[in-house]
């Protein structure tokens, strides 16, 4: 059964997750494309940075809100963030690769920006139902 309150919470959590992922994703894409890395290496690098920045943002948020240890903060966000970020990254990188943004010659190439602009809503739309389910099952702690 659909729960409006859970949906609103999931939508907010997904925005927070998207911001964290984008910090790493964009940084990785900028570096990979600027250094002319192959698309698989660029995607792998961007994905690793997205996981690091997404998890770090979630941990910092939990630390500020709850005044707990780093280890407990990591344990609190680990499961939900990994599932959410995985869905988001698969969608974002798939769209970016399909459009050709990751194959751009440079970050000044319009296809780079088109791929990124299309990837962002794809990541959000993919992660939203995942986060809805995680929040509904109390498997994702809200920051």
N, C-alpha and C. Protein backbone atom coordinates (compact mmCIF):
# COMPACT_ATOMS: atom_id res chain seq x y z
N UNK A 1 0.83 -1.18 0.00
CA UNK A 1 0.00 0.00 0.00
C UNK A 1 0.89 1.25 0.00
N UNK A 2 0.54 2.22 -0.84
CA UNK A 2 1.30 3.46 -0.96
C UNK A 2 1.07 4.34 0.28
N UNK A 3 2.17 4.86 0.80
CA UNK A 3 2.12 5.73 1.98
C UNK A 3 2.74 7.08 1.59
N UNK A 4 1.91 8.13 1.58
CA UNK A 4 2.36 9.46 1.15
C UNK A 4 3.49 9.99 2.02
N UNK A 5 3.41 9.80 3.32
CA UNK A 5 4.44 10.30 4.24
C UNK A 5 5.79 9.61 3.96
N UNK A 6 5.75 8.32 3.75
CA UNK A 6 6.97 7.58 3.43
C UNK A 6 7.52 8.04 2.08
N UNK A 7 6.61 8.30 1.12
CA UNK A 7 7.05 8.77 -0.20
C UNK A 7 7.77 10.11 -0.08
N UNK A 8 7.22 11.03 0.69
CA UNK A 8 7.85 12.35 0.87
C UNK A 8 9.22 12.20 1.52
N UNK A 9 9.31 11.34 2.52
CA UNK A 9 10.59 11.07 3.17
C UNK A 9 11.57 10.46 2.17
N UNK A 10 11.11 9.49 1.40
CA UNK A 10 11.96 8.84 0.40
C UNK A 10 12.43 9.84 -0.66
N UNK A 11 11.55 10.74 -1.07
CA UNK A 11 11.92 11.75 -2.05
C UNK A 11 13.02 12.65 -1.51
N UNK A 12 12.91 13.03 -0.25
CA UNK A 12 13.92 13.87 0.40
C UNK A 12 15.25 13.13 0.54
N UNK A 13 15.17 11.87 0.97
CA UNK A 13 16.37 11.05 1.12
C UNK A 13 17.04 10.86 -0.24
N UNK A 14 16.26 10.70 -1.29
CA UNK A 14 16.81 10.50 -2.63
C UNK A 14 17.52 11.75 -3.12
N UNK A 15 17.00 12.92 -2.82
CA UNK A 15 17.69 14.16 -3.18
C UNK A 15 19.04 14.22 -2.46
N UNK A 16 19.04 13.90 -1.19
CA UNK A 16 20.28 13.90 -0.40
C UNK A 16 21.28 12.91 -1.00
N UNK A 17 20.81 11.74 -1.35
CA UNK A 17 21.66 10.71 -1.95
C UNK A 17 22.20 11.18 -3.30
N UNK A 18 21.34 11.80 -4.09
CA UNK A 18 21.74 12.29 -5.41
C UNK A 18 22.84 13.34 -5.29
N UNK A 19 22.71 14.24 -4.34
CA UNK A 19 23.74 15.28 -4.14
C UNK A 19 25.07 14.62 -3.79
N UNK A 20 25.04 13.67 -2.87
CA UNK A 20 26.28 12.99 -2.49
C UNK A 20 26.91 12.26 -3.67
N UNK A 21 26.08 11.56 -4.43
CA UNK A 21 26.60 10.83 -5.59
C UNK A 21 27.14 11.76 -6.66
N UNK A 22 26.44 12.86 -6.89
CA UNK A 22 26.86 13.78 -7.94
C UNK A 22 28.23 14.39 -7.67
N UNK A 23 28.54 14.63 -6.42
CA UNK A 23 29.86 15.19 -6.09
C UNK A 23 30.95 14.28 -6.64
N UNK A 24 30.85 13.00 -6.35
CA UNK A 24 31.84 12.05 -6.83
C UNK A 24 31.71 11.74 -8.31
N UNK A 25 30.49 11.59 -8.77
CA UNK A 25 30.24 11.25 -10.18
C UNK A 25 30.79 12.32 -11.11
N UNK A 26 30.44 13.56 -10.85
CA UNK A 26 30.91 14.66 -11.72
C UNK A 26 32.42 14.80 -11.65
N UNK A 27 32.97 14.70 -10.45
CA UNK A 27 34.43 14.78 -10.31
C UNK A 27 35.11 13.68 -11.12
N UNK A 28 34.60 12.45 -10.99
CA UNK A 28 35.17 11.33 -11.73
C UNK A 28 35.05 11.48 -13.23
N UNK A 29 33.90 11.95 -13.70
CA UNK A 29 33.71 12.17 -15.13
C UNK A 29 34.62 13.28 -15.65
N UNK A 30 34.73 14.37 -14.90
CA UNK A 30 35.62 15.46 -15.30
C UNK A 30 37.05 14.95 -15.45
N UNK A 31 37.51 14.21 -14.47
CA UNK A 31 38.89 13.71 -14.50
C UNK A 31 39.07 12.70 -15.63
N UNK A 32 38.17 11.72 -15.72
CA UNK A 32 38.30 10.68 -16.75
C UNK A 32 38.25 11.22 -18.16
N UNK A 33 37.30 12.10 -18.44
CA UNK A 33 37.18 12.67 -19.79
C UNK A 33 38.36 13.60 -20.07
N UNK A 34 38.75 14.40 -19.09
CA UNK A 34 39.87 15.34 -19.29
C UNK A 34 41.19 14.61 -19.54
N UNK A 35 41.36 13.45 -18.94
CA UNK A 35 42.60 12.68 -19.13
C UNK A 35 42.48 11.65 -20.25
N UNK A 36 41.37 11.69 -20.99
CA UNK A 36 41.12 10.79 -22.12
C UNK A 36 41.17 9.32 -21.74
N UNK A 37 40.65 8.99 -20.57
CA UNK A 37 40.56 7.59 -20.16
C UNK A 37 39.47 6.91 -21.00
N UNK A 38 39.52 5.62 -21.08
CA UNK A 38 38.48 4.88 -21.80
C UNK A 38 37.17 4.99 -21.01
N UNK A 39 36.04 4.84 -21.69
CA UNK A 39 34.76 4.92 -20.97
C UNK A 39 34.64 3.95 -19.78
N UNK A 40 35.05 2.68 -19.90
CA UNK A 40 34.92 1.80 -18.73
C UNK A 40 35.76 2.27 -17.53
N UNK A 41 36.94 2.77 -17.77
CA UNK A 41 37.78 3.25 -16.67
C UNK A 41 37.18 4.52 -16.08
N UNK A 42 36.70 5.42 -16.92
CA UNK A 42 36.08 6.65 -16.45
C UNK A 42 34.84 6.33 -15.62
N UNK A 43 34.01 5.42 -16.10
CA UNK A 43 32.79 5.04 -15.37
C UNK A 43 33.14 4.39 -14.03
N UNK A 44 34.11 3.49 -14.04
CA UNK A 44 34.52 2.83 -12.79
C UNK A 44 35.04 3.86 -11.79
N UNK A 45 35.87 4.77 -12.25
CA UNK A 45 36.43 5.80 -11.37
C UNK A 45 35.33 6.71 -10.82
N UNK A 46 34.44 7.15 -11.70
CA UNK A 46 33.34 8.02 -11.28
C UNK A 46 32.43 7.30 -10.28
N UNK A 47 32.19 6.03 -10.50
CA UNK A 47 31.34 5.24 -9.60
C UNK A 47 31.98 5.09 -8.23
N UNK A 48 33.27 4.82 -8.20
CA UNK A 48 33.98 4.71 -6.92
C UNK A 48 33.90 6.03 -6.16
N UNK A 49 34.14 7.13 -6.86
CA UNK A 49 34.06 8.44 -6.20
C UNK A 49 32.64 8.75 -5.75
N UNK A 50 31.64 8.32 -6.52
CA UNK A 50 30.25 8.55 -6.13
C UNK A 50 29.91 7.79 -4.85
N UNK A 51 30.38 6.56 -4.75
CA UNK A 51 30.16 5.79 -3.53
C UNK A 51 30.84 6.45 -2.34
N UNK A 52 32.07 6.87 -2.53
CA UNK A 52 32.81 7.51 -1.43
C UNK A 52 32.12 8.79 -0.98
N UNK A 53 31.79 9.66 -1.93
CA UNK A 53 31.18 10.94 -1.55
C UNK A 53 29.76 10.74 -1.03
N UNK A 54 29.00 9.81 -1.62
CA UNK A 54 27.64 9.55 -1.14
C UNK A 54 27.62 9.00 0.27
N UNK A 55 28.48 8.02 0.53
CA UNK A 55 28.56 7.46 1.88
C UNK A 55 29.09 8.49 2.88
N UNK A 56 30.09 9.26 2.46
CA UNK A 56 30.66 10.27 3.35
C UNK A 56 29.63 11.33 3.73
N UNK A 57 28.85 11.78 2.76
CA UNK A 57 27.82 12.77 3.04
C UNK A 57 26.77 12.22 4.00
N UNK A 58 26.39 10.97 3.81
CA UNK A 58 25.40 10.34 4.70
C UNK A 58 25.97 10.19 6.11
N UNK A 59 27.23 9.78 6.22
CA UNK A 59 27.86 9.62 7.53
C UNK A 59 27.98 10.97 8.24
N UNK A 60 28.40 11.99 7.53
CA UNK A 60 28.52 13.32 8.14
C UNK A 60 27.16 13.81 8.64
N UNK A 61 26.13 13.57 7.83
CA UNK A 61 24.78 13.98 8.21
C UNK A 61 24.33 13.28 9.49
N UNK A 62 24.57 11.99 9.57
CA UNK A 62 24.20 11.21 10.77
C UNK A 62 25.01 11.68 11.97
N UNK A 63 26.30 11.93 11.78
CA UNK A 63 27.16 12.39 12.88
C UNK A 63 26.67 13.71 13.46
N UNK A 64 26.31 14.63 12.58
CA UNK A 64 25.84 15.95 13.04
C UNK A 64 24.50 15.84 13.77
N UNK A 65 23.63 14.99 13.27
CA UNK A 65 22.28 14.90 13.82
C UNK A 65 22.23 14.09 15.12
N UNK A 66 23.04 13.05 15.21
CA UNK A 66 22.90 12.12 16.33
C UNK A 66 24.08 12.07 17.30
N UNK A 67 25.17 12.74 16.97
CA UNK A 67 26.35 12.77 17.87
C UNK A 67 26.76 11.36 18.29
N UNK A 68 27.04 10.51 17.30
CA UNK A 68 27.47 9.14 17.55
C UNK A 68 28.88 8.95 17.00
N UNK A 69 29.45 7.78 17.22
CA UNK A 69 30.80 7.50 16.72
C UNK A 69 30.79 7.30 15.21
N UNK A 70 31.98 7.45 14.60
CA UNK A 70 32.10 7.24 13.16
C UNK A 70 31.69 5.81 12.77
N UNK A 71 32.15 4.85 13.55
CA UNK A 71 31.84 3.45 13.25
C UNK A 71 30.34 3.19 13.29
N UNK A 72 29.67 3.71 14.29
CA UNK A 72 28.22 3.53 14.39
C UNK A 72 27.51 4.26 13.25
N UNK A 73 28.00 5.43 12.87
CA UNK A 73 27.42 6.17 11.75
C UNK A 73 27.54 5.37 10.45
N UNK A 74 28.71 4.78 10.23
CA UNK A 74 28.92 3.97 9.03
C UNK A 74 27.99 2.76 9.04
N UNK A 75 27.89 2.10 10.18
CA UNK A 75 26.99 0.94 10.30
C UNK A 75 25.54 1.34 10.07
N UNK A 76 25.18 2.53 10.50
CA UNK A 76 23.80 3.02 10.37
C UNK A 76 23.41 3.24 8.91
N UNK A 77 24.32 3.80 8.12
CA UNK A 77 23.97 4.16 6.74
C UNK A 77 24.41 3.16 5.70
N UNK A 78 25.29 2.25 6.04
CA UNK A 78 25.94 1.38 5.06
C UNK A 78 24.95 0.67 4.13
N UNK A 79 24.08 -0.14 4.66
CA UNK A 79 23.21 -1.00 3.85
C UNK A 79 22.32 -0.18 2.91
N UNK A 80 21.59 0.77 3.47
CA UNK A 80 20.66 1.56 2.68
C UNK A 80 21.35 2.38 1.61
N UNK A 81 22.49 2.97 1.96
CA UNK A 81 23.20 3.81 0.99
C UNK A 81 23.79 2.99 -0.14
N UNK A 82 24.33 1.83 0.16
CA UNK A 82 24.92 1.00 -0.89
C UNK A 82 23.86 0.57 -1.90
N UNK A 83 22.70 0.18 -1.43
CA UNK A 83 21.63 -0.23 -2.34
C UNK A 83 21.15 0.97 -3.17
N UNK A 84 20.92 2.09 -2.51
CA UNK A 84 20.44 3.29 -3.20
C UNK A 84 21.46 3.81 -4.21
N UNK A 85 22.70 3.91 -3.79
CA UNK A 85 23.76 4.42 -4.68
C UNK A 85 23.96 3.47 -5.86
N UNK A 86 23.88 2.17 -5.61
CA UNK A 86 24.06 1.20 -6.71
C UNK A 86 23.02 1.40 -7.80
N UNK A 87 21.75 1.51 -7.40
CA UNK A 87 20.69 1.75 -8.37
C UNK A 87 20.90 3.05 -9.12
N UNK A 88 21.23 4.08 -8.37
CA UNK A 88 21.44 5.40 -8.96
C UNK A 88 22.61 5.37 -9.96
N UNK A 89 23.70 4.75 -9.58
CA UNK A 89 24.89 4.72 -10.45
C UNK A 89 24.67 3.88 -11.70
N UNK A 90 23.98 2.77 -11.57
CA UNK A 90 23.69 1.96 -12.76
C UNK A 90 22.88 2.78 -13.76
N UNK A 91 21.86 3.46 -13.29
CA UNK A 91 21.03 4.27 -14.18
C UNK A 91 21.81 5.44 -14.77
N UNK A 92 22.51 6.17 -13.92
CA UNK A 92 23.23 7.36 -14.40
C UNK A 92 24.31 6.99 -15.41
N UNK A 93 25.11 5.99 -15.09
CA UNK A 93 26.18 5.61 -16.00
C UNK A 93 25.65 4.97 -17.27
N UNK A 94 24.56 4.23 -17.17
CA UNK A 94 23.95 3.65 -18.36
C UNK A 94 23.45 4.72 -19.32
N UNK A 95 22.75 5.70 -18.78
CA UNK A 95 22.24 6.80 -19.62
C UNK A 95 23.38 7.61 -20.20
N UNK A 96 24.35 7.94 -19.37
CA UNK A 96 25.50 8.73 -19.84
C UNK A 96 26.26 7.99 -20.94
N UNK A 97 26.45 6.70 -20.75
CA UNK A 97 27.16 5.91 -21.76
C UNK A 97 26.34 5.83 -23.05
N UNK A 98 25.03 5.58 -22.92
CA UNK A 98 24.16 5.46 -24.10
C UNK A 98 24.15 6.77 -24.91
N UNK A 99 24.08 7.89 -24.21
CA UNK A 99 24.06 9.19 -24.90
C UNK A 99 25.44 9.52 -25.48
N UNK A 100 26.46 9.06 -24.83
CA UNK A 100 27.82 9.31 -25.35
C UNK A 100 28.61 10.34 -24.57
N UNK A 101 28.07 10.81 -23.45
CA UNK A 101 28.76 11.82 -22.67
C UNK A 101 30.11 11.36 -22.15
N UNK A 102 30.19 10.10 -21.78
CA UNK A 102 31.44 9.57 -21.25
C UNK A 102 32.48 9.38 -22.38
N UNK A 103 32.02 9.41 -23.62
CA UNK A 103 32.92 9.30 -24.78
C UNK A 103 33.35 10.66 -25.31
N UNK A 104 32.93 11.73 -24.66
CA UNK A 104 33.25 13.08 -25.14
C UNK A 104 34.76 13.29 -25.21
N UNK A 105 35.16 14.14 -26.14
CA UNK A 105 36.58 14.46 -26.31
C UNK A 105 37.07 15.32 -25.15
N UNK A 106 36.21 16.19 -24.65
CA UNK A 106 36.57 17.03 -23.51
C UNK A 106 35.30 17.43 -22.76
N UNK A 107 35.49 18.04 -21.60
CA UNK A 107 34.33 18.50 -20.83
C UNK A 107 33.67 19.72 -21.49
N UNK A 108 34.31 20.27 -22.50
CA UNK A 108 33.73 21.41 -23.23
C UNK A 108 32.86 20.95 -24.39
N UNK A 109 32.83 19.66 -24.63
CA UNK A 109 32.02 19.07 -25.68
C UNK A 109 30.56 19.03 -25.20
N UNK A 110 29.63 19.46 -26.02
CA UNK A 110 28.22 19.51 -25.61
C UNK A 110 27.66 18.14 -25.25
N UNK A 111 28.16 17.09 -25.88
CA UNK A 111 27.65 15.74 -25.58
C UNK A 111 27.98 15.34 -24.14
N UNK A 112 29.08 15.84 -23.60
CA UNK A 112 29.43 15.57 -22.20
C UNK A 112 28.34 16.10 -21.29
N UNK A 113 27.93 17.33 -21.53
CA UNK A 113 26.90 17.97 -20.69
C UNK A 113 25.52 17.38 -20.93
N UNK A 114 25.22 17.02 -22.16
CA UNK A 114 23.94 16.39 -22.47
C UNK A 114 23.82 15.05 -21.74
N UNK A 115 24.88 14.27 -21.76
CA UNK A 115 24.88 12.99 -21.05
C UNK A 115 24.67 13.18 -19.56
N UNK A 116 25.34 14.16 -18.99
CA UNK A 116 25.22 14.44 -17.56
C UNK A 116 23.82 14.94 -17.21
N UNK A 117 23.29 15.84 -18.02
CA UNK A 117 21.96 16.38 -17.77
C UNK A 117 20.88 15.30 -17.85
N UNK A 118 21.04 14.36 -18.75
CA UNK A 118 20.07 13.26 -18.86
C UNK A 118 20.27 12.22 -17.76
N UNK A 119 21.50 12.04 -17.32
CA UNK A 119 21.81 11.02 -16.30
C UNK A 119 21.25 11.39 -14.92
N UNK A 120 21.23 12.66 -14.60
CA UNK A 120 20.82 13.09 -13.26
C UNK A 120 19.36 12.69 -12.95
N UNK A 121 18.39 13.05 -13.79
CA UNK A 121 17.02 12.61 -13.47
C UNK A 121 16.86 11.08 -13.56
N UNK A 122 17.63 10.44 -14.44
CA UNK A 122 17.55 8.97 -14.52
C UNK A 122 17.97 8.34 -13.20
N UNK A 123 19.03 8.87 -12.61
CA UNK A 123 19.49 8.36 -11.31
C UNK A 123 18.45 8.59 -10.23
N UNK A 124 17.85 9.76 -10.22
CA UNK A 124 16.84 10.08 -9.20
C UNK A 124 15.62 9.17 -9.36
N UNK A 125 15.13 9.06 -10.57
CA UNK A 125 13.93 8.27 -10.84
C UNK A 125 14.17 6.79 -10.49
N UNK A 126 15.36 6.31 -10.72
CA UNK A 126 15.69 4.92 -10.39
C UNK A 126 15.80 4.72 -8.88
N UNK A 127 16.44 5.65 -8.18
CA UNK A 127 16.68 5.48 -6.74
C UNK A 127 15.43 5.76 -5.90
N UNK A 128 14.50 6.56 -6.38
CA UNK A 128 13.32 6.91 -5.58
C UNK A 128 12.51 5.68 -5.13
N UNK A 129 12.12 4.78 -6.01
CA UNK A 129 11.38 3.61 -5.52
C UNK A 129 12.23 2.70 -4.62
N UNK A 130 13.53 2.66 -4.87
CA UNK A 130 14.43 1.89 -4.00
C UNK A 130 14.40 2.48 -2.60
N UNK A 131 14.54 3.80 -2.51
CA UNK A 131 14.53 4.46 -1.21
C UNK A 131 13.16 4.39 -0.55
N UNK A 132 12.10 4.44 -1.33
CA UNK A 132 10.76 4.27 -0.77
C UNK A 132 10.67 2.92 -0.06
N UNK A 133 11.10 1.88 -0.75
CA UNK A 133 11.06 0.53 -0.18
C UNK A 133 11.95 0.44 1.06
N UNK A 134 13.17 1.02 0.98
CA UNK A 134 14.09 0.96 2.12
C UNK A 134 13.53 1.69 3.34
N UNK A 135 12.95 2.87 3.13
CA UNK A 135 12.38 3.63 4.24
C UNK A 135 11.17 2.88 4.79
N UNK A 136 10.33 2.35 3.91
CA UNK A 136 9.13 1.63 4.35
C UNK A 136 9.49 0.40 5.19
N UNK A 137 10.58 -0.27 4.82
CA UNK A 137 11.02 -1.46 5.56
C UNK A 137 11.95 -1.10 6.72
N UNK A 138 12.14 0.22 6.94
CA UNK A 138 13.04 0.71 7.99
C UNK A 138 14.46 0.19 7.81
N UNK A 139 14.88 0.05 6.54
CA UNK A 139 16.22 -0.40 6.23
C UNK A 139 17.13 0.76 5.86
N UNK A 140 16.57 1.95 5.75
CA UNK A 140 17.37 3.13 5.46
C UNK A 140 17.05 4.16 6.52
N UNK A 141 18.08 4.60 7.19
CA UNK A 141 17.90 5.62 8.22
C UNK A 141 17.84 6.98 7.55
N UNK A 142 16.89 7.77 7.96
CA UNK A 142 16.72 9.09 7.37
C UNK A 142 17.69 10.05 8.03
N UNK A 143 18.32 10.83 7.20
CA UNK A 143 19.31 11.76 7.71
C UNK A 143 18.55 12.93 8.24
